[in-house]
Amino acid sequence: MKKNGSSLSSEIILQSAGSVLATAAATLILFLIGRDALGETVIALLYILVVGWVTASWGQWPGIISAIVSALCFDFFFIPPFYTFVIGELEGWLVLVIYLIVAILIVGRIQSGLSKAEASERDAIFMYELSAVLAGLHTREDIANTLAKHLQRMFGAELVEVSLQPSGQSQFISASVPSNGSTSTKPDLMLPIMGISAPGLIGEIHLWRGHGWLPPEDGRLFRNFATQVALALERAQPGK
């Protein structure tokens, strides 16, 4: 865990340094072209493009750093009096403040879009893997055991318990991963499995999250998940 945390911190530092270098390179190019040739509005828009590119490439925090650094460079090189962080006129203050607000808002919007895209991709992978796993199972005992293992792996759960009792069956099937795990706390997730052809409760899944991510119980991912499990149970045969 320490190694993973150290690796993540190093990556964030490198990305932040990259955002500063990218902003500095853009500043050099703008300075060489000339502030009189471009004007403050065009310079601000070009800086916005740099901030957007940094955010899309490396994430929110490098984007915020790029927004702050670009605002300082904008002030120092392109807002009079030049080569100082002092702003002489109200117009200069307004330009700088509006630029910084727009840059931060753009960082937030891009990060929100990236987060939604990552969540959709993660959900799609989860459902694909689940469908592939369930397709190869033929008994309800196999389904219970495989579900517990799959959920524990996907969500980094501390404990997963699967309890199944298909409609019309007196046999009660249960599985947990790890098999000797136990906890006295309330589960982070309690997901009911409802029958498809014969409505009614046919099982429950209890999950203790640990340190992994966990979608909301009433979200689309778990609704689709519960439907897939119910269908797999209805076509499966009782264990020998």
Protein backbone atom coordinates (compact mmCIF):
# COMPACT_ATOMS: atom_id res chain seq x y z
CA MET A 1 0.00 0.00 0.00
CA LYS A 2 2.81 2.41 0.79
CA LYS A 3 4.45 1.70 -2.54
CA ASN A 4 1.20 2.38 -4.39
CA GLY A 5 0.68 5.61 -2.48
CA SER A 6 4.24 6.72 -3.21
CA SER A 7 3.83 5.90 -6.89
CA LEU A 8 0.59 7.89 -7.04
CA SER A 9 2.20 10.89 -5.33
CA SER A 10 5.14 10.80 -7.76
CA GLU A 11 2.73 10.69 -10.69
CA ILE A 12 0.81 13.71 -9.39
CA ILE A 13 4.06 15.64 -8.88
CA LEU A 14 5.22 14.82 -12.41
CA GLN A 15 1.87 15.81 -13.90
CA SER A 16 1.85 19.07 -11.94
CA ALA A 17 5.40 19.83 -13.11
CA GLY A 18 4.30 19.04 -16.66
CA SER A 19 1.40 21.48 -16.36
CA VAL A 20 3.77 24.23 -15.23
CA LEU A 21 6.16 23.51 -18.11
CA ALA A 22 3.33 23.46 -20.64
CA THR A 23 2.05 26.80 -19.36
CA ALA A 24 5.57 28.27 -19.41
CA ALA A 25 6.10 27.07 -22.98
CA ALA A 26 2.80 28.66 -24.05
CA THR A 27 3.83 31.90 -22.33
CA LEU A 28 7.15 31.93 -24.20
CA ILE A 29 5.39 31.42 -27.54
CA LEU A 30 2.87 34.17 -26.81
CA PHE A 31 5.62 36.52 -25.66
CA LEU A 32 7.64 35.91 -28.84
CA ILE A 33 4.59 36.56 -31.03
CA GLY A 34 4.03 39.79 -29.14
CA ARG A 35 1.28 41.16 -26.95
CA ASP A 36 0.57 44.01 -29.37
CA ALA A 37 0.00 41.56 -32.23
CA LEU A 38 -2.39 39.38 -30.24
CA GLY A 39 -4.13 41.56 -27.70
CA GLU A 40 -5.28 40.60 -24.21
CA THR A 41 -8.47 38.82 -25.35
CA VAL A 42 -6.70 36.48 -27.77
CA ILE A 43 -3.95 35.79 -25.23
CA ALA A 44 -6.55 34.88 -22.60
CA LEU A 45 -8.31 32.53 -25.03
CA LEU A 46 -5.04 30.84 -25.96
CA TYR A 47 -4.23 30.35 -22.29
CA ILE A 48 -7.69 28.80 -21.84
CA LEU A 49 -6.83 26.29 -24.56
CA VAL A 50 -3.64 25.36 -22.70
CA VAL A 51 -5.53 24.90 -19.42
CA GLY A 52 -8.13 22.75 -21.14
CA TRP A 53 -5.47 20.59 -22.77
CA VAL A 54 -3.62 20.10 -19.47
CA THR A 55 -6.85 19.14 -17.68
CA ALA A 56 -7.89 16.68 -20.38
CA SER A 57 -4.42 15.13 -20.42
CA TRP A 58 -3.56 14.97 -16.71
CA GLY A 59 -6.63 15.70 -14.64
CA GLN A 60 -8.11 18.29 -12.32
CA TRP A 61 -5.22 19.30 -10.07
CA PRO A 62 -2.69 19.82 -12.88
CA GLY A 63 -5.43 21.82 -14.63
CA ILE A 64 -5.95 24.03 -11.58
CA ILE A 65 -2.19 24.55 -11.27
CA SER A 66 -2.04 25.47 -14.95
CA ALA A 67 -4.91 27.94 -14.47
CA ILE A 68 -3.15 29.64 -11.55
CA VAL A 69 0.27 29.72 -13.24
CA SER A 70 -1.20 31.03 -16.48
CA ALA A 71 -3.04 33.76 -14.57
CA LEU A 72 0.25 34.85 -12.95
CA CYS A 73 2.05 34.79 -16.32
CA PHE A 74 -0.83 36.67 -17.91
CA ASP A 75 -0.56 39.34 -15.25
CA PHE A 76 3.25 39.54 -15.31
CA PHE A 77 3.81 39.66 -19.06
CA PHE A 78 0.62 40.90 -20.68
CA ILE A 79 -1.27 43.21 -18.28
CA PRO A 80 0.23 46.67 -17.71
CA PRO A 81 2.37 47.65 -15.92
CA PHE A 82 4.46 44.85 -17.45
CA TYR A 83 6.97 42.64 -15.63
CA THR A 84 5.30 43.14 -12.29
CA PHE A 85 2.38 41.58 -10.46
CA VAL A 86 0.97 45.04 -9.74
CA ILE A 87 -2.15 45.84 -11.77
CA GLY A 88 -2.53 49.54 -12.48
CA GLU A 89 -6.09 49.82 -13.76
CA LEU A 90 -9.51 48.39 -12.92
CA GLU A 91 -9.80 46.97 -16.43
CA GLY A 92 -6.71 44.85 -15.82
CA TRP A 93 -8.19 43.48 -12.60
CA LEU A 94 -11.44 42.61 -14.36
CA VAL A 95 -9.64 40.85 -17.20
CA LEU A 96 -7.52 38.80 -14.81
CA VAL A 97 -10.37 37.88 -12.46
CA ILE A 98 -12.70 36.92 -15.31
CA TYR A 99 -9.94 34.85 -16.91
CA LEU A 100 -9.23 32.96 -13.69
CA ILE A 101 -12.92 32.26 -13.05
CA VAL A 102 -13.46 31.00 -16.60
CA ALA A 103 -10.32 28.85 -16.43
CA ILE A 104 -11.37 27.22 -13.14
CA LEU A 105 -14.90 26.62 -14.45
CA ILE A 106 -13.52 24.98 -17.58
CA VAL A 107 -11.28 22.75 -15.46
CA GLY A 108 -14.31 21.68 -13.45
CA ARG A 109 -16.43 20.97 -16.52
CA ILE A 110 -13.71 18.95 -18.24
CA GLN A 111 -13.02 16.96 -15.07
CA SER A 112 -16.73 16.27 -14.64
CA GLY A 113 -16.95 14.99 -18.20
CA LEU A 114 -13.87 12.82 -17.76
CA SER A 115 -15.22 11.38 -14.50
CA LYS A 116 -18.54 10.47 -16.14
CA ALA A 117 -16.74 8.87 -19.07
CA GLU A 118 -14.51 6.85 -16.74
CA ALA A 119 -17.53 5.75 -14.69
CA SER A 120 -19.39 4.65 -17.83
CA GLU A 121 -16.36 2.72 -19.05
CA ARG A 122 -15.90 1.09 -15.65
CA ASP A 123 -19.58 0.09 -15.51
CA ALA A 124 -19.44 -1.35 -19.02
CA ILE A 125 -16.37 -3.43 -18.19
CA PHE A 126 -18.01 -4.66 -14.97
CA MET A 127 -21.19 -5.76 -16.76
CA TYR A 128 -19.25 -7.39 -19.60
CA GLU A 129 -17.12 -9.39 -17.20
CA LEU A 130 -20.16 -10.36 -15.16
CA SER A 131 -22.06 -11.55 -18.26
CA ALA A 132 -19.05 -13.56 -19.42
CA VAL A 133 -18.70 -15.17 -16.00
CA LEU A 134 -22.40 -16.00 -15.58
CA ALA A 135 -22.65 -17.46 -19.09
CA GLY A 136 -20.34 -20.32 -18.15
CA LEU A 137 -22.11 -21.31 -14.92
CA HIS A 138 -24.67 -24.09 -14.75
CA THR A 139 -25.55 -24.50 -11.07
CA ARG A 140 -26.84 -22.05 -8.49
CA GLU A 141 -24.04 -22.94 -6.10
CA ASP A 142 -21.51 -21.95 -8.76
CA ILE A 143 -23.37 -18.68 -9.32
CA ALA A 144 -23.31 -17.81 -5.60
CA ASN A 145 -19.62 -18.61 -5.19
CA THR A 146 -18.59 -16.85 -8.39
CA LEU A 147 -20.66 -13.76 -7.59
CA ALA A 148 -19.01 -13.42 -4.19
CA LYS A 149 -15.52 -13.72 -5.68
CA HIS A 150 -16.30 -11.38 -8.59
CA LEU A 151 -17.77 -8.65 -6.37
CA GLN A 152 -14.94 -8.90 -3.85
CA ARG A 153 -12.38 -8.47 -6.62
CA MET A 154 -14.17 -5.69 -8.52
CA PHE A 155 -14.92 -3.52 -5.50
CA GLY A 156 -11.96 -4.37 -3.29
CA ALA A 157 -14.48 -5.41 -0.66
CA GLU A 158 -13.55 -6.45 2.84
CA LEU A 159 -16.32 -9.08 2.83
CA VAL A 160 -19.03 -10.23 0.40
CA GLU A 161 -21.95 -12.47 1.34
CA VAL A 162 -24.34 -13.91 -1.26
CA SER A 163 -27.58 -15.59 -0.16
CA LEU A 164 -29.87 -17.19 -2.76
CA GLN A 165 -33.21 -19.01 -2.58
CA PRO A 166 -34.69 -19.30 -6.08
CA SER A 167 -38.49 -19.29 -6.43
CA GLY A 168 -40.10 -22.65 -5.81
CA GLN A 169 -36.94 -24.06 -4.24
CA SER A 170 -36.56 -24.91 -0.58
CA GLN A 171 -32.77 -25.12 -0.83
CA PHE A 172 -30.98 -22.11 0.62
CA ILE A 173 -27.62 -21.30 -1.01
CA SER A 174 -25.00 -19.03 0.54
CA ALA A 175 -21.40 -18.05 -0.18
CA SER A 176 -18.96 -15.56 1.30
CA VAL A 177 -15.53 -14.23 0.35
CA PRO A 178 -13.32 -14.55 2.26
CA SER A 179 -14.90 -17.78 3.45
CA ASN A 180 -13.88 -17.19 7.09
CA GLY A 181 -14.71 -13.48 7.06
CA SER A 182 -17.07 -11.96 9.58
CA THR A 183 -18.04 -8.48 10.75
CA SER A 184 -20.48 -7.00 13.21
CA THR A 185 -21.01 -3.76 11.29
CA LYS A 186 -23.84 -3.00 8.91
CA PRO A 187 -23.05 -3.78 5.24
CA ASP A 188 -22.22 -0.84 2.97
CA LEU A 189 -24.41 -2.45 0.32
CA MET A 190 -27.55 -4.59 0.65
CA LEU A 191 -28.72 -5.54 -2.84
CA PRO A 192 -31.95 -7.55 -3.27
CA ILE A 193 -32.25 -9.97 -6.19
CA MET A 194 -35.83 -10.14 -7.51
CA GLY A 195 -37.23 -12.91 -9.70
CA ILE A 196 -38.06 -12.23 -13.35
CA SER A 197 -40.62 -14.87 -14.39
CA ALA A 198 -41.90 -15.28 -10.82
CA PRO A 199 -41.72 -11.94 -9.00
CA GLY A 200 -40.44 -12.05 -5.48
CA LEU A 201 -37.24 -11.90 -3.49
CA ILE A 202 -34.90 -14.73 -4.53
CA GLY A 203 -31.68 -13.56 -2.94
CA GLU A 204 -29.61 -10.84 -1.32
CA ILE A 205 -26.05 -9.63 -1.58
CA HIS A 206 -24.31 -7.97 1.36
CA LEU A 207 -21.04 -6.17 0.74
CA TRP A 208 -18.63 -4.46 3.10
CA ARG A 209 -16.74 -2.00 0.96
CA GLY A 210 -13.26 -1.86 2.49
CA HIS A 211 -11.27 0.71 0.49
CA GLY A 212 -12.78 0.20 -2.96
CA TRP A 213 -15.28 2.28 -4.97
CA LEU A 214 -18.96 1.48 -4.68
CA PRO A 215 -21.81 2.73 -6.92
CA PRO A 216 -25.15 3.70 -5.34
CA GLU A 217 -27.54 0.84 -4.59
CA ASP A 218 -30.34 2.39 -6.67
CA GLY A 219 -28.04 3.22 -9.61
CA ARG A 220 -28.33 1.76 -13.11
CA LEU A 221 -25.26 -0.46 -12.68
CA PHE A 222 -26.70 -2.44 -9.78
CA ARG A 223 -30.17 -2.61 -11.34
CA ASN A 224 -28.68 -4.20 -14.46
CA PHE A 225 -26.50 -6.38 -12.28
CA ALA A 226 -29.48 -7.69 -10.27
CA THR A 227 -31.37 -8.47 -13.48
CA GLN A 228 -28.44 -10.42 -14.94
CA VAL A 229 -28.10 -12.46 -11.74
CA ALA A 230 -31.83 -13.22 -11.64
CA LEU A 231 -31.80 -14.41 -15.26
CA ALA A 232 -28.74 -16.59 -14.59
CA LEU A 233 -30.45 -18.16 -11.56
CA GLU A 234 -33.62 -18.95 -13.50
CA ARG A 235 -31.76 -20.77 -16.25
CA ALA A 236 -29.38 -22.56 -13.88
CA GLN A 237 -30.01 -26.02 -12.51
CA PRO A 238 -29.98 -26.98 -8.81
CA GLY A 239 -26.65 -28.36 -7.59
CA LYS A 240 -26.04 -32.02 -7.36
